Amino acid sequence: MAKHQYITSPPKMSTMPPGVPYIIGNEAAERFSYYGMNSILTIFMTKYL
């Protein structure tokens, strides 16, 4: 019988979890959207107001 009956720590992984690329892609899209909206708002505020 094992010393501990239950696992107390997550197993060691040599690779990234499978969801990490989606998180990184989402963050990149969010950043791209932020800078795009920032530039559009700057143009609107300087030319049309």
Foldseek 3Di string as FASTA:
>chain_A
DDPDPDDDDDDDDPDDPPCVVVVVVVVVVVVVVVVVVVVVVVCCVVPPD
